[in-house]
Amino acid sequence: MKYNNRKVKNMFMQLKSLTKQLYKPTNDKYMMSYSRASVQKEFTIEELAKYNGIDGKPSYVAVDGIVYDVSNETSWKAGIHFGLSAGQDLTESFNNCHNKAEILDQLPKVGILKE
């Protein structure tokens, strides 16, 4: 199939424009959370509670609507971290104690929390 240079250039420009629209910054909390989650599994608060790090289960926590896997973090041994338990939405506790971006960017994202 032969391509006309003008057609290819137009297609490239359209793709570039669409990409900018898809990835433009937003202040909408839900959209920020959704776009940051690499895997889009949705957890209810009841489902999240099953991932408490007890009896060999993974340790998941939710912060700002995103569910993170903290199982491999030594500070979350057995699903407990300074009195906080995995399997919960820890947004308020986390935001009061940590520099959010620095820590969350290092954790695997496993989904989003349904409201």
PDB file of N, CA and C in Angstrom:
ATOM      1  N   MET A   1       0.840  -1.176   0.000  1.00  0.00           N
ATOM      2  CA  MET A   1       0.000   0.000   0.000  1.00  0.00           C
ATOM      3  C   MET A   1       0.883   1.235   0.000  1.00  0.00           C
ATOM      4  N   LYS A   2       0.607   2.144  -0.872  1.00  0.00           N
ATOM      5  CA  LYS A   2       1.391   3.356  -0.994  1.00  0.00           C
ATOM      6  C   LYS A   2       0.750   4.480  -0.178  1.00  0.00           C
ATOM      7  N   TYR A   3       1.580   5.229   0.524  1.00  0.00           N
ATOM      8  CA  TYR A   3       1.079   6.338   1.331  1.00  0.00           C
ATOM      9  C   TYR A   3       1.515   7.665   0.733  1.00  0.00           C
ATOM     10  N   ASN A   4       0.603   8.555   0.717  1.00  0.00           N
ATOM     11  CA  ASN A   4       0.873   9.908   0.304  1.00  0.00           C
ATOM     12  C   ASN A   4       1.474  10.629   1.512  1.00  0.00           C
ATOM     13  N   ASN A   5       2.566  11.336   1.329  1.00  0.00           N
ATOM     14  CA  ASN A   5       3.212  12.029   2.444  1.00  0.00           C
ATOM     15  C   ASN A   5       2.259  12.976   3.164  1.00  0.00           C
ATOM     16  N   ARG A   6       1.398  13.638   2.434  1.00  0.00           N
ATOM     17  CA  ARG A   6       0.442  14.565   3.042  1.00  0.00           C
ATOM     18  C   ARG A   6      -0.537  13.814   3.947  1.00  0.00           C
ATOM     19  N   LYS A   7      -0.994  12.648   3.484  1.00  0.00           N
ATOM     20  CA  LYS A   7      -1.916  11.841   4.284  1.00  0.00           C
ATOM     21  C   LYS A   7      -1.248  11.384   5.579  1.00  0.00           C
ATOM     22  N   VAL A   8      -0.032  10.921   5.462  1.00  0.00           N
ATOM     23  CA  VAL A   8       0.704  10.450   6.643  1.00  0.00           C
ATOM     24  C   VAL A   8       0.897  11.600   7.619  1.00  0.00           C
ATOM     25  N   LYS A   9       1.266  12.755   7.114  1.00  0.00           N
ATOM     26  CA  LYS A   9       1.466  13.918   7.977  1.00  0.00           C
ATOM     27  C   LYS A   9       0.160  14.300   8.661  1.00  0.00           C
ATOM     28  N   ASN A  10      -0.953  14.296   7.938  1.00  0.00           N
ATOM     29  CA  ASN A  10      -2.253  14.625   8.531  1.00  0.00           C
ATOM     30  C   ASN A  10      -2.652  13.614   9.606  1.00  0.00           C
ATOM     31  N   MET A  11      -2.417  12.340   9.326  1.00  0.00           N
ATOM     32  CA  MET A  11      -2.732  11.312  10.313  1.00  0.00           C
ATOM     33  C   MET A  11      -1.879  11.489  11.563  1.00  0.00           C
ATOM     34  N   PHE A  12      -0.616  11.794  11.375  1.00  0.00           N
ATOM     35  CA  PHE A  12       0.271  12.021  12.502  1.00  0.00           C
ATOM     36  C   PHE A  12      -0.198  13.222  13.339  1.00  0.00           C
ATOM     37  N   MET A  13      -0.585  14.285  12.692  1.00  0.00           N
ATOM     38  CA  MET A  13      -1.039  15.490  13.400  1.00  0.00           C
ATOM     39  C   MET A  13      -2.341  15.212  14.165  1.00  0.00           C
ATOM     40  N   GLN A  14      -3.233  14.429  13.576  1.00  0.00           N
ATOM     41  CA  GLN A  14      -4.471  14.074  14.269  1.00  0.00           C
ATOM     42  C   GLN A  14      -4.175  13.227  15.498  1.00  0.00           C
ATOM     43  N   LEU A  15      -3.283  12.273  15.353  1.00  0.00           N
ATOM     44  CA  LEU A  15      -2.898  11.424  16.474  1.00  0.00           C
ATOM     45  C   LEU A  15      -2.257  12.256  17.583  1.00  0.00           C
ATOM     46  N   LYS A  16      -1.397  13.168  17.205  1.00  0.00           N
ATOM     47  CA  LYS A  16      -0.735  14.030  18.177  1.00  0.00           C
ATOM     48  C   LYS A  16      -1.763  14.873  18.930  1.00  0.00           C
ATOM     49  N   SER A  17      -2.734  15.417  18.217  1.00  0.00           N
ATOM     50  CA  SER A  17      -3.783  16.228  18.826  1.00  0.00           C
ATOM     51  C   SER A  17      -4.624  15.394  19.797  1.00  0.00           C
ATOM     52  N   LEU A  18      -4.999  14.190  19.387  1.00  0.00           N
ATOM     53  CA  LEU A  18      -5.784  13.316  20.261  1.00  0.00           C
ATOM     54  C   LEU A  18      -5.008  12.929  21.508  1.00  0.00           C
ATOM     55  N   THR A  19      -3.723  12.658  21.349  1.00  0.00           N
ATOM     56  CA  THR A  19      -2.884  12.304  22.492  1.00  0.00           C
ATOM     57  C   THR A  19      -2.829  13.448  23.494  1.00  0.00           C
ATOM     58  N   LYS A  20      -2.679  14.661  23.021  1.00  0.00           N
ATOM     59  CA  LYS A  20      -2.656  15.827  23.915  1.00  0.00           C
ATOM     60  C   LYS A  20      -3.972  15.948  24.666  1.00  0.00           C
ATOM     61  N   GLN A  21      -5.083  15.706  23.987  1.00  0.00           N
ATOM     62  CA  GLN A  21      -6.389  15.797  24.632  1.00  0.00           C
ATOM     63  C   GLN A  21      -6.549  14.730  25.705  1.00  0.00           C
ATOM     64  N   LEU A  22      -6.072  13.526  25.419  1.00  0.00           N
ATOM     65  CA  LEU A  22      -6.208  12.433  26.375  1.00  0.00           C
ATOM     66  C   LEU A  22      -5.360  12.633  27.621  1.00  0.00           C
ATOM     67  N   TYR A  23      -4.203  13.228  27.467  1.00  0.00           N
ATOM     68  CA  TYR A  23      -3.268  13.336  28.578  1.00  0.00           C
ATOM     69  C   TYR A  23      -3.138  14.738  29.152  1.00  0.00           C
ATOM     70  N   LYS A  24      -4.080  15.610  28.838  1.00  0.00           N
ATOM     71  CA  LYS A  24      -3.965  16.957  29.394  1.00  0.00           C
ATOM     72  C   LYS A  24      -4.248  16.920  30.895  1.00  0.00           C
ATOM     73  N   PRO A  25      -3.580  17.745  31.671  1.00  0.00           N
ATOM     74  CA  PRO A  25      -3.751  17.756  33.122  1.00  0.00           C
ATOM     75  C   PRO A  25      -5.187  18.101  33.500  1.00  0.00           C
ATOM     76  N   THR A  26      -5.599  17.564  34.640  1.00  0.00           N
ATOM     77  CA  THR A  26      -6.938  17.845  35.145  1.00  0.00           C
ATOM     78  C   THR A  26      -6.885  18.027  36.650  1.00  0.00           C
ATOM     79  N   ASN A  27      -7.824  18.784  37.173  1.00  0.00           N
ATOM     80  CA  ASN A  27      -7.946  18.938  38.621  1.00  0.00           C
ATOM     81  C   ASN A  27      -9.079  18.093  39.159  1.00  0.00           C
ATOM     82  N   ASP A  28      -9.764  17.358  38.291  1.00  0.00           N
ATOM     83  CA  ASP A  28     -10.854  16.494  38.690  1.00  0.00           C
ATOM     84  C   ASP A  28     -10.275  15.287  39.421  1.00  0.00           C
ATOM     85  N   LYS A  29     -10.591  15.142  40.712  1.00  0.00           N
ATOM     86  CA  LYS A  29      -9.998  14.092  41.539  1.00  0.00           C
ATOM     87  C   LYS A  29     -10.242  12.700  40.951  1.00  0.00           C
ATOM     88  N   TYR A  30     -11.467  12.431  40.477  1.00  0.00           N
ATOM     89  CA  TYR A  30     -11.764  11.112  39.934  1.00  0.00           C
ATOM     90  C   TYR A  30     -10.926  10.840  38.692  1.00  0.00           C
ATOM     91  N   MET A  31     -10.860  11.786  37.789  1.00  0.00           N
ATOM     92  CA  MET A  31     -10.113  11.573  36.553  1.00  0.00           C
ATOM     93  C   MET A  31      -8.624  11.434  36.823  1.00  0.00           C
ATOM     94  N   MET A  32      -8.105  12.181  37.797  1.00  0.00           N
ATOM     95  CA  MET A  32      -6.692  12.040  38.144  1.00  0.00           C
ATOM     96  C   MET A  32      -6.444  10.631  38.658  1.00  0.00           C
ATOM     97  N   SER A  33      -7.322  10.138  39.511  1.00  0.00           N
ATOM     98  CA  SER A  33      -7.168   8.800  40.067  1.00  0.00           C
ATOM     99  C   SER A  33      -7.269   7.755  38.975  1.00  0.00           C
ATOM    100  N   TYR A  34      -8.251   7.894  38.121  1.00  0.00           N
ATOM    101  CA  TYR A  34      -8.476   6.918  37.070  1.00  0.00           C
ATOM    102  C   TYR A  34      -7.291   6.855  36.115  1.00  0.00           C
ATOM    103  N   SER A  35      -6.762   8.008  35.747  1.00  0.00           N
ATOM    104  CA  SER A  35      -5.669   8.013  34.784  1.00  0.00           C
ATOM    105  C   SER A  35      -4.368   7.509  35.389  1.00  0.00           C
ATOM    106  N   ARG A  36      -4.230   7.573  36.708  1.00  0.00           N
ATOM    107  CA  ARG A  36      -3.001   7.099  37.338  1.00  0.00           C
ATOM    108  C   ARG A  36      -2.996   5.596  37.544  1.00  0.00           C
ATOM    109  N   ALA A  37      -4.159   4.980  37.557  1.00  0.00           N
ATOM    110  CA  ALA A  37      -4.215   3.543  37.777  1.00  0.00           C
ATOM    111  C   ALA A  37      -3.828   2.797  36.511  1.00  0.00           C
ATOM    112  N   SER A  38      -2.760   1.984  36.596  1.00  0.00           N
ATOM    113  CA  SER A  38      -2.320   1.282  35.404  1.00  0.00           C
ATOM    114  C   SER A  38      -3.215   0.075  35.107  1.00  0.00           C
ATOM    115  N   VAL A  39      -3.775  -0.536  36.117  1.00  0.00           N
ATOM    116  CA  VAL A  39      -4.715  -1.627  35.957  1.00  0.00           C
ATOM    117  C   VAL A  39      -6.055  -1.105  36.431  1.00  0.00           C
ATOM    118  N   GLN A  40      -7.101  -1.373  35.659  1.00  0.00           N
ATOM    119  CA  GLN A  40      -8.361  -0.743  35.975  1.00  0.00           C
ATOM    120  C   GLN A  40      -9.341  -1.664  36.678  1.00  0.00           C
ATOM    121  N   LYS A  41      -8.861  -2.571  37.493  1.00  0.00           N
ATOM    122  CA  LYS A  41      -9.759  -3.393  38.299  1.00  0.00           C
ATOM    123  C   LYS A  41     -10.432  -2.471  39.301  1.00  0.00           C
ATOM    124  N   GLU A  42     -11.724  -2.675  39.481  1.00  0.00           N
ATOM    125  CA  GLU A  42     -12.467  -1.857  40.431  1.00  0.00           C
ATOM    126  C   GLU A  42     -12.711  -2.663  41.697  1.00  0.00           C
ATOM    127  N   PHE A  43     -12.428  -2.050  42.839  1.00  0.00           N
ATOM    128  CA  PHE A  43     -12.630  -2.675  44.137  1.00  0.00           C
ATOM    129  C   PHE A  43     -13.730  -1.942  44.884  1.00  0.00           C
ATOM    130  N   THR A  44     -14.632  -2.682  45.500  1.00  0.00           N
ATOM    131  CA  THR A  44     -15.525  -2.069  46.482  1.00  0.00           C
ATOM    132  C   THR A  44     -14.753  -2.056  47.792  1.00  0.00           C
ATOM    133  N   ILE A  45     -15.231  -1.326  48.760  1.00  0.00           N
ATOM    134  CA  ILE A  45     -14.552  -1.289  50.063  1.00  0.00           C
ATOM    135  C   ILE A  45     -14.570  -2.687  50.698  1.00  0.00           C
ATOM    136  N   GLU A  46     -15.626  -3.468  50.415  1.00  0.00           N
ATOM    137  CA  GLU A  46     -15.726  -4.831  50.938  1.00  0.00           C
ATOM    138  C   GLU A  46     -14.682  -5.739  50.282  1.00  0.00           C
ATOM    139  N   GLU A  47     -14.490  -5.593  48.977  1.00  0.00           N
ATOM    140  CA  GLU A  47     -13.475  -6.387  48.272  1.00  0.00           C
ATOM    141  C   GLU A  47     -12.078  -6.009  48.749  1.00  0.00           C
ATOM    142  N   LEU A  48     -11.840  -4.734  48.926  1.00  0.00           N
ATOM    143  CA  LEU A  48     -10.535  -4.268  49.392  1.00  0.00           C
ATOM    144  C   LEU A  48     -10.194  -4.871  50.751  1.00  0.00           C
ATOM    145  N   ALA A  49     -11.202  -5.028  51.608  1.00  0.00           N
ATOM    146  CA  ALA A  49     -10.982  -5.563  52.960  1.00  0.00           C
ATOM    147  C   ALA A  49     -10.399  -6.973  52.939  1.00  0.00           C
ATOM    148  N   LYS A  50     -10.594  -7.706  51.859  1.00  0.00           N
ATOM    149  CA  LYS A  50     -10.058  -9.069  51.745  1.00  0.00           C
ATOM    150  C   LYS A  50      -8.539  -9.071  51.584  1.00  0.00           C
ATOM    151  N   TYR A  51      -7.989  -7.944  51.151  1.00  0.00           N
ATOM    152  CA  TYR A  51      -6.542  -7.835  50.905  1.00  0.00           C
ATOM    153  C   TYR A  51      -5.864  -7.163  52.094  1.00  0.00           C
ATOM    154  N   ASN A  52      -5.903  -7.884  53.224  1.00  0.00           N
ATOM    155  CA  ASN A  52      -5.426  -7.301  54.481  1.00  0.00           C
ATOM    156  C   ASN A  52      -4.050  -7.782  54.907  1.00  0.00           C
ATOM    157  N   GLY A  53      -3.410  -8.628  54.103  1.00  0.00           N
ATOM    158  CA  GLY A  53      -2.065  -9.099  54.427  1.00  0.00           C
ATOM    159  C   GLY A  53      -2.013 -10.217  55.445  1.00  0.00           C
ATOM    160  N   ILE A  54      -3.152 -10.722  55.863  1.00  0.00           N
ATOM    161  CA  ILE A  54      -3.205 -11.780  56.877  1.00  0.00           C
ATOM    162  C   ILE A  54      -3.296 -13.140  56.182  1.00  0.00           C
ATOM    163  N   ASP A  55      -2.644 -14.142  56.771  1.00  0.00           N
ATOM    164  CA  ASP A  55      -2.652 -15.512  56.246  1.00  0.00           C
ATOM    165  C   ASP A  55      -2.162 -15.589  54.803  1.00  0.00           C
ATOM    166  N   GLY A  56      -1.113 -14.846  54.483  1.00  0.00           N
ATOM    167  CA  GLY A  56      -0.503 -14.900  53.161  1.00  0.00           C
ATOM    168  C   GLY A  56      -1.219 -14.120  52.075  1.00  0.00           C
ATOM    169  N   LYS A  57      -2.283 -13.422  52.433  1.00  0.00           N
ATOM    170  CA  LYS A  57      -2.995 -12.609  51.440  1.00  0.00           C
ATOM    171  C   LYS A  57      -2.179 -11.357  51.130  1.00  0.00           C
ATOM    172  N   PRO A  58      -2.326 -10.822  49.919  1.00  0.00           N
ATOM    173  CA  PRO A  58      -1.642  -9.564  49.597  1.00  0.00           C
ATOM    174  C   PRO A  58      -2.167  -8.418  50.465  1.00  0.00           C
ATOM    175  N   SER A  59      -1.366  -7.384  50.598  1.00  0.00           N
ATOM    176  CA  SER A  59      -1.761  -6.180  51.351  1.00  0.00           C
ATOM    177  C   SER A  59      -2.018  -5.052  50.372  1.00  0.00           C
ATOM    178  N   TYR A  60      -3.276  -4.627  50.273  1.00  0.00           N
ATOM    179  CA  TYR A  60      -3.655  -3.521  49.403  1.00  0.00           C
ATOM    180  C   TYR A  60      -4.213  -2.393  50.258  1.00  0.00           C
ATOM    181  N   VAL A  61      -3.916  -1.168  49.851  1.00  0.00           N
ATOM    182  CA  VAL A  61      -4.501   0.012  50.492  1.00  0.00           C
ATOM    183  C   VAL A  61      -4.981   0.962  49.401  1.00  0.00           C
ATOM    184  N   ALA A  62      -5.986   1.741  49.732  1.00  0.00           N
ATOM    185  CA  ALA A  62      -6.486   2.739  48.789  1.00  0.00           C
ATOM    186  C   ALA A  62      -6.105   4.125  49.295  1.00  0.00           C
ATOM    187  N   VAL A  63      -5.657   4.969  48.363  1.00  0.00           N
ATOM    188  CA  VAL A  63      -5.350   6.375  48.660  1.00  0.00           C
ATOM    189  C   VAL A  63      -5.867   7.197  47.489  1.00  0.00           C
ATOM    190  N   ASP A  64      -6.728   8.145  47.778  1.00  0.00           N
ATOM    191  CA  ASP A  64      -7.313   9.016  46.749  1.00  0.00           C
ATOM    192  C   ASP A  64      -7.936   8.231  45.593  1.00  0.00           C
ATOM    193  N   GLY A  65      -8.620   7.139  45.924  1.00  0.00           N
ATOM    194  CA  GLY A  65      -9.344   6.382  44.914  1.00  0.00           C
ATOM    195  C   GLY A  65      -8.526   5.368  44.135  1.00  0.00           C
ATOM    196  N   ILE A  66      -7.237   5.284  44.394  1.00  0.00           N
ATOM    197  CA  ILE A  66      -6.375   4.312  43.713  1.00  0.00           C
ATOM    198  C   ILE A  66      -5.964   3.241  44.718  1.00  0.00           C
ATOM    199  N   VAL A  67      -5.998   1.987  44.267  1.00  0.00           N
ATOM    200  CA  VAL A  67      -5.621   0.873  45.133  1.00  0.00           C
ATOM    201  C   VAL A  67      -4.173   0.479  44.811  1.00  0.00           C
ATOM    202  N   TYR A  68      -3.353   0.432  45.862  1.00  0.00           N
ATOM    203  CA  TYR A  68      -1.928   0.125  45.733  1.00  0.00           C
ATOM    204  C   TYR A  68      -1.613  -1.188  46.441  1.00  0.00           C
ATOM    205  N   ASP A  69      -0.625  -1.902  45.916  1.00  0.00           N
ATOM    206  CA  ASP A  69      -0.140  -3.128  46.531  1.00  0.00           C
ATOM    207  C   ASP A  69       1.071  -2.783  47.390  1.00  0.00           C
ATOM    208  N   VAL A  70       0.920  -2.949  48.704  1.00  0.00           N
ATOM    209  CA  VAL A  70       2.027  -2.652  49.626  1.00  0.00           C
ATOM    210  C   VAL A  70       2.636  -3.933  50.187  1.00  0.00           C
ATOM    211  N   SER A  71       2.293  -5.069  49.586  1.00  0.00           N
ATOM    212  CA  SER A  71       2.734  -6.378  50.087  1.00  0.00           C
ATOM    213  C   SER A  71       4.243  -6.509  50.215  1.00  0.00           C
ATOM    214  N   ASN A  72       4.989  -5.929  49.288  1.00  0.00           N
ATOM    215  CA  ASN A  72       6.448  -6.080  49.298  1.00  0.00           C
ATOM    216  C   ASN A  72       7.173  -4.992  50.074  1.00  0.00           C
ATOM    217  N   GLU A  73       6.419  -4.121  50.720  1.00  0.00           N
ATOM    218  CA  GLU A  73       7.030  -3.063  51.528  1.00  0.00           C
ATOM    219  C   GLU A  73       7.317  -3.610  52.926  1.00  0.00           C
ATOM    220  N   THR A  74       8.580  -3.526  53.346  1.00  0.00           N
ATOM    221  CA  THR A  74       8.942  -4.063  54.665  1.00  0.00           C
ATOM    222  C   THR A  74       8.201  -3.348  55.790  1.00  0.00           C
ATOM    223  N   SER A  75       7.829  -2.113  55.578  1.00  0.00           N
ATOM    224  CA  SER A  75       7.115  -1.370  56.622  1.00  0.00           C
ATOM    225  C   SER A  75       5.650  -1.808  56.737  1.00  0.00           C
ATOM    226  N   TRP A  76       5.184  -2.680  55.854  1.00  0.00           N
ATOM    227  CA  TRP A  76       3.806  -3.192  55.885  1.00  0.00           C
ATOM    228  C   TRP A  76       3.786  -4.690  56.208  1.00  0.00           C
ATOM    229  N   LYS A  77       4.727  -5.134  57.005  1.00  0.00           N
ATOM    230  CA  LYS A  77       4.810  -6.553  57.356  1.00  0.00           C
ATOM    231  C   LYS A  77       3.487  -7.012  57.982  1.00  0.00           C
ATOM    232  N   ALA A  78       2.972  -8.131  57.484  1.00  0.00           N
ATOM    233  CA  ALA A  78       1.717  -8.730  57.962  1.00  0.00           C
ATOM    234  C   ALA A  78       0.526  -7.781  57.821  1.00  0.00           C
ATOM    235  N   GLY A  79       0.610  -6.832  56.894  1.00  0.00           N
ATOM    236  CA  GLY A  79      -0.522  -5.955  56.631  1.00  0.00           C
ATOM    237  C   GLY A  79      -0.728  -4.840  57.640  1.00  0.00           C
ATOM    238  N   ILE A  80       0.281  -4.581  58.468  1.00  0.00           N
ATOM    239  CA  ILE A  80       0.182  -3.525  59.492  1.00  0.00           C
ATOM    240  C   ILE A  80       1.326  -2.533  59.298  1.00  0.00           C
ATOM    241  N   HIS A  81       1.019  -1.253  59.408  1.00  0.00           N
ATOM    242  CA  HIS A  81       2.013  -0.193  59.270  1.00  0.00           C
ATOM    243  C   HIS A  81       1.699   0.892  60.299  1.00  0.00           C
ATOM    244  N   PHE A  82       2.502   0.948  61.350  1.00  0.00           N
ATOM    245  CA  PHE A  82       2.314   1.929  62.420  1.00  0.00           C
ATOM    246  C   PHE A  82       0.856   2.002  62.884  1.00  0.00           C
ATOM    247  N   GLY A  83       0.290   0.826  63.131  1.00  0.00           N
ATOM    248  CA  GLY A  83      -1.079   0.747  63.646  1.00  0.00           C
ATOM    249  C   GLY A  83      -2.169   0.813  62.591  1.00  0.00           C
ATOM    250  N   LEU A  84      -1.823   1.063  61.341  1.00  0.00           N
ATOM    251  CA  LEU A  84      -2.811   1.080  60.262  1.00  0.00           C
ATOM    252  C   LEU A  84      -2.849  -0.296  59.613  1.00  0.00           C
ATOM    253  N   SER A  85      -4.032  -0.741  59.239  1.00  0.00           N
ATOM    254  CA  SER A  85      -4.193  -2.059  58.631  1.00  0.00           C
ATOM    255  C   SER A  85      -4.438  -1.956  57.138  1.00  0.00           C
ATOM    256  N   ALA A  86      -3.864  -2.892  56.406  1.00  0.00           N
ATOM    257  CA  ALA A  86      -4.121  -2.979  54.968  1.00  0.00           C
ATOM    258  C   ALA A  86      -5.568  -3.419  54.762  1.00  0.00           C
ATOM    259  N   GLY A  87      -6.039  -3.262  53.536  1.00  0.00           N
ATOM    260  CA  GLY A  87      -7.405  -3.644  53.214  1.00  0.00           C
ATOM    261  C   GLY A  87      -8.398  -2.527  53.456  1.00  0.00           C
ATOM    262  N   GLN A  88      -7.888  -1.289  53.543  1.00  0.00           N
ATOM    263  CA  GLN A  88      -8.750  -0.149  53.854  1.00  0.00           C
ATOM    264  C   GLN A  88      -8.421   1.048  52.965  1.00  0.00           C
ATOM    265  N   ASP A  89      -9.344   2.007  52.971  1.00  0.00           N
ATOM    266  CA  ASP A  89      -9.087   3.302  52.345  1.00  0.00           C
ATOM    267  C   ASP A  89      -8.364   4.146  53.387  1.00  0.00           C
ATOM    268  N   LEU A  90      -7.105   4.407  53.147  1.00  0.00           N
ATOM    269  CA  LEU A  90      -6.274   5.133  54.113  1.00  0.00           C
ATOM    270  C   LEU A  90      -5.943   6.548  53.635  1.00  0.00           C
ATOM    271  N   THR A  91      -6.800   7.112  52.819  1.00  0.00           N
ATOM    272  CA  THR A  91      -6.540   8.432  52.244  1.00  0.00           C
ATOM    273  C   THR A  91      -6.245   9.476  53.317  1.00  0.00           C
ATOM    274  N   GLU A  92      -7.114   9.593  54.283  1.00  0.00           N
ATOM    275  CA  GLU A  92      -6.931  10.635  55.304  1.00  0.00           C
ATOM    276  C   GLU A  92      -5.660  10.411  56.115  1.00  0.00           C
ATOM    277  N   SER A  93      -5.442   9.192  56.566  1.00  0.00           N
ATOM    278  CA  SER A  93      -4.243   8.896  57.356  1.00  0.00           C
ATOM    279  C   SER A  93      -2.983   9.133  56.546  1.00  0.00           C
ATOM    280  N   PHE A  94      -2.987   8.687  55.309  1.00  0.00           N
ATOM    281  CA  PHE A  94      -1.811   8.831  54.454  1.00  0.00           C
ATOM    282  C   PHE A  94      -1.506  10.302  54.180  1.00  0.00           C
ATOM    283  N   ASN A  95      -2.533  11.058  53.845  1.00  0.00           N
ATOM    284  CA  ASN A  95      -2.323  12.469  53.530  1.00  0.00           C
ATOM    285  C   ASN A  95      -1.849  13.279  54.728  1.00  0.00           C
ATOM    286  N   ASN A  96      -2.126  12.812  55.917  1.00  0.00           N
ATOM    287  CA  ASN A  96      -1.670  13.508  57.123  1.00  0.00           C
ATOM    288  C   ASN A  96      -0.233  13.165  57.507  1.00  0.00           C
ATOM    289  N   CYS A  97       0.329  12.114  56.904  1.00  0.00           N
ATOM    290  CA  CYS A  97       1.641  11.640  57.348  1.00  0.00           C
ATOM    291  C   CYS A  97       2.754  11.657  56.311  1.00  0.00           C
ATOM    292  N   HIS A  98       2.422  11.643  55.044  1.00  0.00           N
ATOM    293  CA  HIS A  98       3.455  11.382  54.051  1.00  0.00           C
ATOM    294  C   HIS A  98       3.492  12.412  52.930  1.00  0.00           C
ATOM    295  N   ASN A  99       4.648  12.437  52.248  1.00  0.00           N
ATOM    296  CA  ASN A  99       4.781  13.167  50.995  1.00  0.00           C
ATOM    297  C   ASN A  99       4.228  12.232  49.917  1.00  0.00           C
ATOM    298  N   LYS A 100       3.015  12.502  49.501  1.00  0.00           N
ATOM    299  CA  LYS A 100       2.250  11.579  48.676  1.00  0.00           C
ATOM    300  C   LYS A 100       2.979  11.103  47.424  1.00  0.00           C
ATOM    301  N   ALA A 101       3.371  11.991  46.566  1.00  0.00           N
ATOM    302  CA  ALA A 101       3.925  11.607  45.264  1.00  0.00           C
ATOM    303  C   ALA A 101       5.172  10.739  45.412  1.00  0.00           C
ATOM    304  N   GLU A 102       6.023  11.080  46.336  1.00  0.00           N
ATOM    305  CA  GLU A 102       7.280  10.363  46.528  1.00  0.00           C
ATOM    306  C   GLU A 102       7.057   8.882  46.832  1.00  0.00           C
ATOM    307  N   ILE A 103       6.082   8.596  47.656  1.00  0.00           N
ATOM    308  CA  ILE A 103       5.831   7.218  48.071  1.00  0.00           C
ATOM    309  C   ILE A 103       4.947   6.484  47.074  1.00  0.00           C
ATOM    310  N   LEU A 104       3.842   7.100  46.689  1.00  0.00           N
ATOM    311  CA  LEU A 104       2.878   6.418  45.830  1.00  0.00           C
ATOM    312  C   LEU A 104       3.445   6.067  44.464  1.00  0.00           C
ATOM    313  N   ASP A 105       4.326   6.874  43.938  1.00  0.00           N
ATOM    314  CA  ASP A 105       4.907   6.597  42.626  1.00  0.00           C
ATOM    315  C   ASP A 105       5.755   5.328  42.630  1.00  0.00           C
ATOM    316  N   GLN A 106       6.181   4.890  43.811  1.00  0.00           N
ATOM    317  CA  GLN A 106       7.015   3.699  43.921  1.00  0.00           C
ATOM    318  C   GLN A 106       6.201   2.416  44.090  1.00  0.00           C
ATOM    319  N   LEU A 107       4.888   2.546  44.340  1.00  0.00           N
ATOM    320  CA  LEU A 107       4.053   1.383  44.620  1.00  0.00           C
ATOM    321  C   LEU A 107       3.308   0.897  43.381  1.00  0.00           C
ATOM    322  N   PRO A 108       3.152  -0.426  43.247  1.00  0.00           N
ATOM    323  CA  PRO A 108       2.353  -0.947  42.136  1.00  0.00           C
ATOM    324  C   PRO A 108       0.881  -0.571  42.306  1.00  0.00           C
ATOM    325  N   LYS A 109       0.284  -0.081  41.243  1.00  0.00           N
ATOM    326  CA  LYS A 109      -1.146   0.249  41.253  1.00  0.00           C
ATOM    327  C   LYS A 109      -1.896  -0.978  40.757  1.00  0.00           C
ATOM    328  N   VAL A 110      -2.912  -1.393  41.522  1.00  0.00           N
ATOM    329  CA  VAL A 110      -3.644  -2.599  41.146  1.00  0.00           C
ATOM    330  C   VAL A 110      -5.090  -2.321  40.749  1.00  0.00           C
ATOM    331  N   GLY A 111      -5.557  -1.090  40.909  1.00  0.00           N
ATOM    332  CA  GLY A 111      -6.921  -0.778  40.507  1.00  0.00           C
ATOM    333  C   GLY A 111      -7.409   0.529  41.089  1.00  0.00           C
ATOM    334  N   ILE A 112      -8.730   0.673  41.033  1.00  0.00           N
ATOM    335  CA  ILE A 112      -9.370   1.877  41.577  1.00  0.00           C
ATOM    336  C   ILE A 112     -10.447   1.454  42.563  1.00  0.00           C
ATOM    337  N   LEU A 113     -10.766   2.356  43.473  1.00  0.00           N
ATOM    338  CA  LEU A 113     -11.780   2.100  44.491  1.00  0.00           C
ATOM    339  C   LEU A 113     -13.109   2.657  43.994  1.00  0.00           C
ATOM    340  N   LYS A 114     -14.124   1.794  43.978  1.00  0.00           N
ATOM    341  CA  LYS A 114     -15.473   2.246  43.603  1.00  0.00           C
ATOM    342  C   LYS A 114     -16.030   3.079  44.738  1.00  0.00           C
ATOM    343  N   GLU A 115     -16.808   4.070  44.381  1.00  0.00           N
ATOM    344  CA  GLU A 115     -17.434   4.884  45.431  1.00  0.00           C
ATOM    345  C   GLU A 115     -18.764   4.324  45.819  1.00  0.00           C
TER     346      GLU A 115
END
